[in-house]
Amino acid sequence: GMYMRLAFSVAINVNADILLIDEIL
């Protein structure tokens, strides 16, 4: 769960134009 929190936090704070998500939610 801590891995997921860190990975998700980085991915959604890079101000990307396109976000791709595979089951991680």
mmCIF file of all heavy atoms, coordinates in Angstrom:
data_MODEL
# 
_entry.id   MODEL 
# 
loop_
_atom_site.group_PDB 
_atom_site.id 
_atom_site.type_symbol 
_atom_site.label_atom_id 
_atom_site.label_alt_id 
_atom_site.label_comp_id 
_atom_site.label_asym_id 
_atom_site.label_entity_id 
_atom_site.label_seq_id 
_atom_site.pdbx_PDB_ins_code 
_atom_site.Cartn_x 
_atom_site.Cartn_y 
_atom_site.Cartn_z 
_atom_site.occupancy 
_atom_site.B_iso_or_equiv 
_atom_site.pdbx_formal_charge 
_atom_site.auth_seq_id 
_atom_site.auth_comp_id 
_atom_site.auth_asym_id 
_atom_site.auth_atom_id 
_atom_site.pdbx_PDB_model_num 
ATOM 1   N N   . GLY A 1 1  ? 0.814  -1.214 0.000   1.00 0.00 ? 1  GLY A N   1 
ATOM 2   C CA  . GLY A 1 1  ? 0.000  0.000  0.000   1.00 0.00 ? 1  GLY A CA  1 
ATOM 3   C C   . GLY A 1 1  ? 0.840  1.253  0.000   1.00 0.00 ? 1  GLY A C   1 
ATOM 4   O O   . GLY A 1 1  ? 0.500  2.245  -0.657  1.00 0.00 ? 1  GLY A O   1 
ATOM 5   N N   . MET A 1 2  ? 1.972  1.238  0.715   1.00 0.00 ? 2  MET A N   1 
ATOM 6   C CA  . MET A 1 2  ? 2.873  2.394  0.747   1.00 0.00 ? 2  MET A CA  1 
ATOM 7   C C   . MET A 1 2  ? 3.540  2.590  -0.608  1.00 0.00 ? 2  MET A C   1 
ATOM 8   O O   . MET A 1 2  ? 3.729  3.721  -1.073  1.00 0.00 ? 2  MET A O   1 
ATOM 9   C CB  . MET A 1 2  ? 3.908  2.209  1.857   1.00 0.00 ? 2  MET A CB  1 
ATOM 10  C CG  . MET A 1 2  ? 3.296  2.227  3.251   1.00 0.00 ? 2  MET A CG  1 
ATOM 11  S SD  . MET A 1 2  ? 4.407  1.595  4.529   1.00 0.00 ? 2  MET A SD  1 
ATOM 12  C CE  . MET A 1 2  ? 5.620  2.913  4.623   1.00 0.00 ? 2  MET A CE  1 
ATOM 13  N N   . TYR A 1 3  ? 3.898  1.484  -1.272  1.00 0.00 ? 3  TYR A N   1 
ATOM 14  C CA  . TYR A 1 3  ? 4.435  1.560  -2.636  1.00 0.00 ? 3  TYR A CA  1 
ATOM 15  C C   . TYR A 1 3  ? 3.449  2.293  -3.542  1.00 0.00 ? 3  TYR A C   1 
ATOM 16  O O   . TYR A 1 3  ? 3.813  3.192  -4.304  1.00 0.00 ? 3  TYR A O   1 
ATOM 17  C CB  . TYR A 1 3  ? 4.654  0.135  -3.182  1.00 0.00 ? 3  TYR A CB  1 
ATOM 18  C CG  . TYR A 1 3  ? 6.066  -0.349 -3.162  1.00 0.00 ? 3  TYR A CG  1 
ATOM 19  C CD1 . TYR A 1 3  ? 6.598  -0.974 -2.036  1.00 0.00 ? 3  TYR A CD1 1 
ATOM 20  C CD2 . TYR A 1 3  ? 6.883  -0.223 -4.280  1.00 0.00 ? 3  TYR A CD2 1 
ATOM 21  C CE1 . TYR A 1 3  ? 7.896  -1.453 -2.015  1.00 0.00 ? 3  TYR A CE1 1 
ATOM 22  C CE2 . TYR A 1 3  ? 8.182  -0.688 -4.266  1.00 0.00 ? 3  TYR A CE2 1 
ATOM 23  C CZ  . TYR A 1 3  ? 8.682  -1.310 -3.131  1.00 0.00 ? 3  TYR A CZ  1 
ATOM 24  O OH  . TYR A 1 3  ? 9.963  -1.773 -3.128  1.00 0.00 ? 3  TYR A OH  1 
ATOM 25  N N   . MET A 1 4  ? 2.174  1.859  -3.458  1.00 0.00 ? 4  MET A N   1 
ATOM 26  C CA  . MET A 1 4  ? 1.154  2.434  -4.321  1.00 0.00 ? 4  MET A CA  1 
ATOM 27  C C   . MET A 1 4  ? 0.971  3.922  -4.040  1.00 0.00 ? 4  MET A C   1 
ATOM 28  O O   . MET A 1 4  ? 0.851  4.731  -4.963  1.00 0.00 ? 4  MET A O   1 
ATOM 29  C CB  . MET A 1 4  ? -0.163 1.684  -4.116  1.00 0.00 ? 4  MET A CB  1 
ATOM 30  C CG  . MET A 1 4  ? -1.279 2.047  -5.093  1.00 0.00 ? 4  MET A CG  1 
ATOM 31  S SD  . MET A 1 4  ? -2.146 3.560  -4.684  1.00 0.00 ? 4  MET A SD  1 
ATOM 32  C CE  . MET A 1 4  ? -2.948 3.060  -3.155  1.00 0.00 ? 4  MET A CE  1 
ATOM 33  N N   . ARG A 1 5  ? 0.955  4.284  -2.773  1.00 0.00 ? 5  ARG A N   1 
ATOM 34  C CA  . ARG A 1 5  ? 0.789  5.690  -2.413  1.00 0.00 ? 5  ARG A CA  1 
ATOM 35  C C   . ARG A 1 5  ? 1.891  6.543  -3.029  1.00 0.00 ? 5  ARG A C   1 
ATOM 36  O O   . ARG A 1 5  ? 1.630  7.615  -3.586  1.00 0.00 ? 5  ARG A O   1 
ATOM 37  C CB  . ARG A 1 5  ? 0.818  5.852  -0.885  1.00 0.00 ? 5  ARG A CB  1 
ATOM 38  C CG  . ARG A 1 5  ? -0.412 5.341  -0.183  1.00 0.00 ? 5  ARG A CG  1 
ATOM 39  C CD  . ARG A 1 5  ? -0.166 5.302  1.319   1.00 0.00 ? 5  ARG A CD  1 
ATOM 40  N NE  . ARG A 1 5  ? -1.307 4.759  2.028   1.00 0.00 ? 5  ARG A NE  1 
ATOM 41  C CZ  . ARG A 1 5  ? -2.170 5.476  2.732   1.00 0.00 ? 5  ARG A CZ  1 
ATOM 42  N NH1 . ARG A 1 5  ? -2.034 6.788  2.803   1.00 0.00 ? 5  ARG A NH1 1 
ATOM 43  N NH2 . ARG A 1 5  ? -3.176 4.912  3.358   1.00 0.00 ? 5  ARG A NH2 1 
ATOM 44  N N   . LEU A 1 6  ? 3.125  6.059  -2.918  1.00 0.00 ? 6  LEU A N   1 
ATOM 45  C CA  . LEU A 1 6  ? 4.250  6.828  -3.438  1.00 0.00 ? 6  LEU A CA  1 
ATOM 46  C C   . LEU A 1 6  ? 4.199  6.912  -4.960  1.00 0.00 ? 6  LEU A C   1 
ATOM 47  O O   . LEU A 1 6  ? 4.377  7.992  -5.545  1.00 0.00 ? 6  LEU A O   1 
ATOM 48  C CB  . LEU A 1 6  ? 5.567  6.198  -2.981  1.00 0.00 ? 6  LEU A CB  1 
ATOM 49  C CG  . LEU A 1 6  ? 6.825  7.028  -3.215  1.00 0.00 ? 6  LEU A CG  1 
ATOM 50  C CD1 . LEU A 1 6  ? 6.755  8.347  -2.456  1.00 0.00 ? 6  LEU A CD1 1 
ATOM 51  C CD2 . LEU A 1 6  ? 8.064  6.247  -2.806  1.00 0.00 ? 6  LEU A CD2 1 
ATOM 52  N N   . ALA A 1 7  ? 3.952  5.763  -5.611  1.00 0.00 ? 7  ALA A N   1 
ATOM 53  C CA  . ALA A 1 7  ? 3.905  5.740  -7.077  1.00 0.00 ? 7  ALA A CA  1 
ATOM 54  C C   . ALA A 1 7  ? 2.794  6.634  -7.611  1.00 0.00 ? 7  ALA A C   1 
ATOM 55  O O   . ALA A 1 7  ? 2.984  7.409  -8.556  1.00 0.00 ? 7  ALA A O   1 
ATOM 56  C CB  . ALA A 1 7  ? 3.712  4.303  -7.569  1.00 0.00 ? 7  ALA A CB  1 
ATOM 57  N N   . PHE A 1 8  ? 1.616  6.543  -7.015  1.00 0.00 ? 8  PHE A N   1 
ATOM 58  C CA  . PHE A 1 8  ? 0.485  7.341  -7.468  1.00 0.00 ? 8  PHE A CA  1 
ATOM 59  C C   . PHE A 1 8  ? 0.747  8.827  -7.235  1.00 0.00 ? 8  PHE A C   1 
ATOM 60  O O   . PHE A 1 8  ? 0.442  9.665  -8.090  1.00 0.00 ? 8  PHE A O   1 
ATOM 61  C CB  . PHE A 1 8  ? -0.781 6.912  -6.730  1.00 0.00 ? 8  PHE A CB  1 
ATOM 62  C CG  . PHE A 1 8  ? -2.040 7.494  -7.295  1.00 0.00 ? 8  PHE A CG  1 
ATOM 63  C CD1 . PHE A 1 8  ? -2.738 6.853  -8.296  1.00 0.00 ? 8  PHE A CD1 1 
ATOM 64  C CD2 . PHE A 1 8  ? -2.533 8.703  -6.825  1.00 0.00 ? 8  PHE A CD2 1 
ATOM 65  C CE1 . PHE A 1 8  ? -3.892 7.387  -8.822  1.00 0.00 ? 8  PHE A CE1 1 
ATOM 66  C CE2 . PHE A 1 8  ? -3.685 9.247  -7.343  1.00 0.00 ? 8  PHE A CE2 1 
ATOM 67  C CZ  . PHE A 1 8  ? -4.372 8.594  -8.341  1.00 0.00 ? 8  PHE A CZ  1 
ATOM 68  N N   . SER A 1 9  ? 1.338  9.144  -6.094  1.00 0.00 ? 9  SER A N   1 
ATOM 69  C CA  . SER A 1 9  ? 1.588  10.548 -5.761  1.00 0.00 ? 9  SER A CA  1 
ATOM 70  C C   . SER A 1 9  ? 2.540  11.195 -6.751  1.00 0.00 ? 9  SER A C   1 
ATOM 71  O O   . SER A 1 9  ? 2.366  12.353 -7.132  1.00 0.00 ? 9  SER A O   1 
ATOM 72  C CB  . SER A 1 9  ? 2.155  10.648 -4.341  1.00 0.00 ? 9  SER A CB  1 
ATOM 73  O OG  . SER A 1 9  ? 1.247  10.141 -3.399  1.00 0.00 ? 9  SER A OG  1 
ATOM 74  N N   . VAL A 1 10 ? 3.561  10.441 -7.169  1.00 0.00 ? 10 VAL A N   1 
ATOM 75  C CA  . VAL A 1 10 ? 4.496  10.981 -8.158  1.00 0.00 ? 10 VAL A CA  1 
ATOM 76  C C   . VAL A 1 10 ? 3.792  11.174 -9.495  1.00 0.00 ? 10 VAL A C   1 
ATOM 77  O O   . VAL A 1 10 ? 3.881  12.239 -10.123 1.00 0.00 ? 10 VAL A O   1 
ATOM 78  C CB  . VAL A 1 10 ? 5.716  10.051 -8.325  1.00 0.00 ? 10 VAL A CB  1 
ATOM 79  C CG1 . VAL A 1 10 ? 6.616  10.556 -9.454  1.00 0.00 ? 10 VAL A CG1 1 
ATOM 80  C CG2 . VAL A 1 10 ? 6.508  9.963  -7.026  1.00 0.00 ? 10 VAL A CG2 1 
ATOM 81  N N   . ALA A 1 11 ? 3.062  10.141 -9.929  1.00 0.00 ? 11 ALA A N   1 
ATOM 82  C CA  . ALA A 1 11 ? 2.467  10.158 -11.269 1.00 0.00 ? 11 ALA A CA  1 
ATOM 83  C C   . ALA A 1 11 ? 1.470  11.292 -11.465 1.00 0.00 ? 11 ALA A C   1 
ATOM 84  O O   . ALA A 1 11 ? 1.391  11.877 -12.545 1.00 0.00 ? 11 ALA A O   1 
ATOM 85  C CB  . ALA A 1 11 ? 1.804  8.810  -11.556 1.00 0.00 ? 11 ALA A CB  1 
ATOM 86  N N   . ILE A 1 12 ? 0.705  11.622 -10.416 1.00 0.00 ? 12 ILE A N   1 
ATOM 87  C CA  . ILE A 1 12 ? -0.333 12.639 -10.599 1.00 0.00 ? 12 ILE A CA  1 
ATOM 88  C C   . ILE A 1 12 ? 0.162  14.043 -10.288 1.00 0.00 ? 12 ILE A C   1 
ATOM 89  O O   . ILE A 1 12 ? -0.598 15.004 -10.413 1.00 0.00 ? 12 ILE A O   1 
ATOM 90  C CB  . ILE A 1 12 ? -1.571 12.332 -9.725  1.00 0.00 ? 12 ILE A CB  1 
ATOM 91  C CG1 . ILE A 1 12 ? -1.210 12.385 -8.238  1.00 0.00 ? 12 ILE A CG1 1 
ATOM 92  C CG2 . ILE A 1 12 ? -2.169 11.001 -10.101 1.00 0.00 ? 12 ILE A CG2 1 
ATOM 93  C CD1 . ILE A 1 12 ? -2.414 12.283 -7.336  1.00 0.00 ? 12 ILE A CD1 1 
ATOM 94  N N   . ASN A 1 13 ? 1.421  14.173 -9.901  1.00 0.00 ? 13 ASN A N   1 
ATOM 95  C CA  . ASN A 1 13 ? 1.956  15.499 -9.595  1.00 0.00 ? 13 ASN A CA  1 
ATOM 96  C C   . ASN A 1 13 ? 3.041  15.946 -10.574 1.00 0.00 ? 13 ASN A C   1 
ATOM 97  O O   . ASN A 1 13 ? 3.761  16.900 -10.293 1.00 0.00 ? 13 ASN A O   1 
ATOM 98  C CB  . ASN A 1 13 ? 2.509  15.532 -8.171  1.00 0.00 ? 13 ASN A CB  1 
ATOM 99  C CG  . ASN A 1 13 ? 1.422  15.702 -7.133  1.00 0.00 ? 13 ASN A CG  1 
ATOM 100 O OD1 . ASN A 1 13 ? 0.836  16.768 -6.996  1.00 0.00 ? 13 ASN A OD1 1 
ATOM 101 N ND2 . ASN A 1 13 ? 1.133  14.625 -6.416  1.00 0.00 ? 13 ASN A ND2 1 
ATOM 102 N N   . VAL A 1 14 ? 3.136  15.268 -11.717 1.00 0.00 ? 14 VAL A N   1 
ATOM 103 C CA  . VAL A 1 14 ? 4.114  15.684 -12.723 1.00 0.00 ? 14 VAL A CA  1 
ATOM 104 C C   . VAL A 1 14 ? 3.479  16.613 -13.757 1.00 0.00 ? 14 VAL A C   1 
ATOM 105 O O   . VAL A 1 14 ? 4.130  17.020 -14.719 1.00 0.00 ? 14 VAL A O   1 
ATOM 106 C CB  . VAL A 1 14 ? 4.749  14.458 -13.430 1.00 0.00 ? 14 VAL A CB  1 
ATOM 107 C CG1 . VAL A 1 14 ? 5.484  13.597 -12.433 1.00 0.00 ? 14 VAL A CG1 1 
ATOM 108 C CG2 . VAL A 1 14 ? 3.696  13.651 -14.179 1.00 0.00 ? 14 VAL A CG2 1 
ATOM 109 N N   . ASN A 1 15 ? 2.178  16.918 -13.561 1.00 0.00 ? 15 ASN A N   1 
ATOM 110 C CA  . ASN A 1 15 ? 1.452  17.774 -14.516 1.00 0.00 ? 15 ASN A CA  1 
ATOM 111 C C   . ASN A 1 15 ? 1.531  17.237 -15.937 1.00 0.00 ? 15 ASN A C   1 
ATOM 112 O O   . ASN A 1 15 ? 1.815  17.966 -16.878 1.00 0.00 ? 15 ASN A O   1 
ATOM 113 C CB  . ASN A 1 15 ? 1.985  19.210 -14.467 1.00 0.00 ? 15 ASN A CB  1 
ATOM 114 C CG  . ASN A 1 15 ? 1.568  19.925 -13.195 1.00 0.00 ? 15 ASN A CG  1 
ATOM 115 O OD1 . ASN A 1 15 ? 0.896  19.363 -12.351 1.00 0.00 ? 15 ASN A OD1 1 
ATOM 116 N ND2 . ASN A 1 15 ? 1.994  21.176 -13.066 1.00 0.00 ? 15 ASN A ND2 1 
ATOM 117 N N   . ALA A 1 16 ? 1.257  15.924 -16.052 1.00 0.00 ? 16 ALA A N   1 
ATOM 118 C CA  . ALA A 1 16 ? 1.296  15.294 -17.371 1.00 0.00 ? 16 ALA A CA  1 
ATOM 119 C C   . ALA A 1 16 ? 0.072  15.679 -18.183 1.00 0.00 ? 16 ALA A C   1 
ATOM 120 O O   . ALA A 1 16 ? -0.989 16.008 -17.641 1.00 0.00 ? 16 ALA A O   1 
ATOM 121 C CB  . ALA A 1 16 ? 1.376  13.782 -17.220 1.00 0.00 ? 16 ALA A CB  1 
ATOM 122 N N   . ASP A 1 17 ? 0.221  15.621 -19.494 1.00 0.00 ? 17 ASP A N   1 
ATOM 123 C CA  . ASP A 1 17 ? -0.914 15.841 -20.391 1.00 0.00 ? 17 ASP A CA  1 
ATOM 124 C C   . ASP A 1 17 ? -1.741 14.577 -20.551 1.00 0.00 ? 17 ASP A C   1 
ATOM 125 O O   . ASP A 1 17 ? -2.947 14.636 -20.808 1.00 0.00 ? 17 ASP A O   1 
ATOM 126 C CB  . ASP A 1 17 ? -0.411 16.296 -21.767 1.00 0.00 ? 17 ASP A CB  1 
ATOM 127 C CG  . ASP A 1 17 ? 0.415  17.564 -21.671 1.00 0.00 ? 17 ASP A CG  1 
ATOM 128 O OD1 . ASP A 1 17 ? -0.128 18.579 -21.199 1.00 0.00 ? 17 ASP A OD1 1 
ATOM 129 O OD2 . ASP A 1 17 ? 1.612  17.530 -22.047 1.00 0.00 ? 17 ASP A OD2 1 
ATOM 130 N N   . ILE A 1 18 ? -1.079 13.417 -20.397 1.00 0.00 ? 18 ILE A N   1 
ATOM 131 C CA  . ILE A 1 18 ? -1.730 12.124 -20.570 1.00 0.00 ? 18 ILE A CA  1 
ATOM 132 C C   . ILE A 1 18 ? -1.363 11.237 -19.378 1.00 0.00 ? 18 ILE A C   1 
ATOM 133 O O   . ILE A 1 18 ? -0.189 11.076 -19.054 1.00 0.00 ? 18 ILE A O   1 
ATOM 134 C CB  . ILE A 1 18 ? -1.292 11.430 -21.883 1.00 0.00 ? 18 ILE A CB  1 
ATOM 135 C CG1 . ILE A 1 18 ? -1.648 12.293 -23.091 1.00 0.00 ? 18 ILE A CG1 1 
ATOM 136 C CG2 . ILE A 1 18 ? -1.926 10.051 -22.001 1.00 0.00 ? 18 ILE A CG2 1 
ATOM 137 C CD1 . ILE A 1 18 ? -1.030 11.800 -24.392 1.00 0.00 ? 18 ILE A CD1 1 
ATOM 138 N N   . LEU A 1 19 ? -2.362 10.663 -18.720 1.00 0.00 ? 19 LEU A N   1 
ATOM 139 C CA  . LEU A 1 19 ? -2.138 9.772  -17.582 1.00 0.00 ? 19 LEU A CA  1 
ATOM 140 C C   . LEU A 1 19 ? -2.696 8.395  -17.925 1.00 0.00 ? 19 LEU A C   1 
ATOM 141 O O   . LEU A 1 19 ? -3.881 8.254  -18.249 1.00 0.00 ? 19 LEU A O   1 
ATOM 142 C CB  . LEU A 1 19 ? -2.822 10.331 -16.333 1.00 0.00 ? 19 LEU A CB  1 
ATOM 143 C CG  . LEU A 1 19 ? -2.714 9.485  -15.053 1.00 0.00 ? 19 LEU A CG  1 
ATOM 144 C CD1 . LEU A 1 19 ? -1.261 9.290  -14.644 1.00 0.00 ? 19 LEU A CD1 1 
ATOM 145 C CD2 . LEU A 1 19 ? -3.511 10.133 -13.920 1.00 0.00 ? 19 LEU A CD2 1 
ATOM 146 N N   . LEU A 1 20 ? -1.842 7.375  -17.847 1.00 0.00 ? 20 LEU A N   1 
ATOM 147 C CA  . LEU A 1 20 ? -2.218 5.994  -18.161 1.00 0.00 ? 20 LEU A CA  1 
ATOM 148 C C   . LEU A 1 20 ? -2.209 5.182  -16.869 1.00 0.00 ? 20 LEU A C   1 
ATOM 149 O O   . LEU A 1 20 ? -1.205 5.157  -16.156 1.00 0.00 ? 20 LEU A O   1 
ATOM 150 C CB  . LEU A 1 20 ? -1.243 5.386  -19.172 1.00 0.00 ? 20 LEU A CB  1 
ATOM 151 C CG  . LEU A 1 20 ? -0.972 6.219  -20.421 1.00 0.00 ? 20 LEU A CG  1 
ATOM 152 C CD1 . LEU A 1 20 ? 0.122  5.570  -21.271 1.00 0.00 ? 20 LEU A CD1 1 
ATOM 153 C CD2 . LEU A 1 20 ? -2.243 6.401  -21.247 1.00 0.00 ? 20 LEU A CD2 1 
ATOM 154 N N   . ILE A 1 21 ? -3.308 4.494  -16.584 1.00 0.00 ? 21 ILE A N   1 
ATOM 155 C CA  . ILE A 1 21 ? -3.449 3.770  -15.325 1.00 0.00 ? 21 ILE A CA  1 
ATOM 156 C C   . ILE A 1 21 ? -3.920 2.342  -15.612 1.00 0.00 ? 21 ILE A C   1 
ATOM 157 O O   . ILE A 1 21 ? -4.889 2.126  -16.332 1.00 0.00 ? 21 ILE A O   1 
ATOM 158 C CB  . ILE A 1 21 ? -4.467 4.450  -14.388 1.00 0.00 ? 21 ILE A CB  1 
ATOM 159 C CG1 . ILE A 1 21 ? -4.128 5.932  -14.218 1.00 0.00 ? 21 ILE A CG1 1 
ATOM 160 C CG2 . ILE A 1 21 ? -4.516 3.755  -13.029 1.00 0.00 ? 21 ILE A CG2 1 
ATOM 161 C CD1 . ILE A 1 21 ? -5.177 6.705  -13.436 1.00 0.00 ? 21 ILE A CD1 1 
ATOM 162 N N   . ASP A 1 22 ? -3.229 1.370  -15.004 1.00 0.00 ? 22 ASP A N   1 
ATOM 163 C CA  . ASP A 1 22 ? -3.568 -0.042 -15.198 1.00 0.00 ? 22 ASP A CA  1 
ATOM 164 C C   . ASP A 1 22 ? -3.868 -0.691 -13.856 1.00 0.00 ? 22 ASP A C   1 
ATOM 165 O O   . ASP A 1 22 ? -2.954 -1.128 -13.150 1.00 0.00 ? 22 ASP A O   1 
ATOM 166 C CB  . ASP A 1 22 ? -2.420 -0.778 -15.887 1.00 0.00 ? 22 ASP A CB  1 
ATOM 167 C CG  . ASP A 1 22 ? -2.801 -2.206 -16.283 1.00 0.00 ? 22 ASP A CG  1 
ATOM 168 O OD1 . ASP A 1 22 ? -3.955 -2.596 -16.037 1.00 0.00 ? 22 ASP A OD1 1 
ATOM 169 O OD2 . ASP A 1 22 ? -1.949 -2.921 -16.830 1.00 0.00 ? 22 ASP A OD2 1 
ATOM 170 N N   . GLU A 1 23 ? -5.139 -0.748 -13.463 1.00 0.00 ? 23 GLU A N   1 
ATOM 171 C CA  . GLU A 1 23 ? -5.638 -1.480 -12.298 1.00 0.00 ? 23 GLU A CA  1 
ATOM 172 C C   . GLU A 1 23 ? -5.103 -0.994 -10.954 1.00 0.00 ? 23 GLU A C   1 
ATOM 173 O O   . GLU A 1 23 ? -5.481 -1.503 -9.915  1.00 0.00 ? 23 GLU A O   1 
ATOM 174 C CB  . GLU A 1 23 ? -5.298 -2.983 -12.431 1.00 0.00 ? 23 GLU A CB  1 
ATOM 175 C CG  . GLU A 1 23 ? -6.080 -3.714 -13.479 1.00 0.00 ? 23 GLU A CG  1 
ATOM 176 C CD  . GLU A 1 23 ? -7.553 -3.903 -13.113 1.00 0.00 ? 23 GLU A CD  1 
ATOM 177 O OE1 . GLU A 1 23 ? -7.964 -3.509 -12.012 1.00 0.00 ? 23 GLU A OE1 1 
ATOM 178 O OE2 . GLU A 1 23 ? -8.290 -4.406 -13.957 1.00 0.00 ? 23 GLU A OE2 1 
ATOM 179 N N   . ILE A 1 24 ? -4.192 -0.049 -10.914 1.00 0.00 ? 24 ILE A N   1 
ATOM 180 C CA  . ILE A 1 24 ? -3.526 0.275  -9.656  1.00 0.00 ? 24 ILE A CA  1 
ATOM 181 C C   . ILE A 1 24 ? -4.470 0.893  -8.636  1.00 0.00 ? 24 ILE A C   1 
ATOM 182 O O   . ILE A 1 24 ? -4.218 0.862  -7.433  1.00 0.00 ? 24 ILE A O   1 
ATOM 183 C CB  . ILE A 1 24 ? -2.316 1.211  -9.908  1.00 0.00 ? 24 ILE A CB  1 
ATOM 184 C CG1 . ILE A 1 24 ? -1.372 1.205  -8.691  1.00 0.00 ? 24 ILE A CG1 1 
ATOM 185 C CG2 . ILE A 1 24 ? -2.766 2.617  -10.231 1.00 0.00 ? 24 ILE A CG2 1 
ATOM 186 C CD1 . ILE A 1 24 ? -0.050 1.877  -8.952  1.00 0.00 ? 24 ILE A CD1 1 
ATOM 187 N N   . LEU A 1 25 ? -5.609 1.413  -9.083  1.00 0.00 ? 25 LEU A N   1 
ATOM 188 C CA  . LEU A 1 25 ? -6.548 2.047  -8.139  1.00 0.00 ? 25 LEU A CA  1 
ATOM 189 C C   . LEU A 1 25 ? -7.214 1.035  -7.226  1.00 0.00 ? 25 LEU A C   1 
ATOM 190 O O   . LEU A 1 25 ? -7.857 1.400  -6.249  1.00 0.00 ? 25 LEU A O   1 
ATOM 191 C CB  . LEU A 1 25 ? -7.623 2.826  -8.898  1.00 0.00 ? 25 LEU A CB  1 
ATOM 192 C CG  . LEU A 1 25 ? -7.142 4.070  -9.644  1.00 0.00 ? 25 LEU A CG  1 
ATOM 193 C CD1 . LEU A 1 25 ? -8.311 4.738  -10.326 1.00 0.00 ? 25 LEU A CD1 1 
ATOM 194 C CD2 . LEU A 1 25 ? -6.449 5.034  -8.710  1.00 0.00 ? 25 LEU A CD2 1 
# 
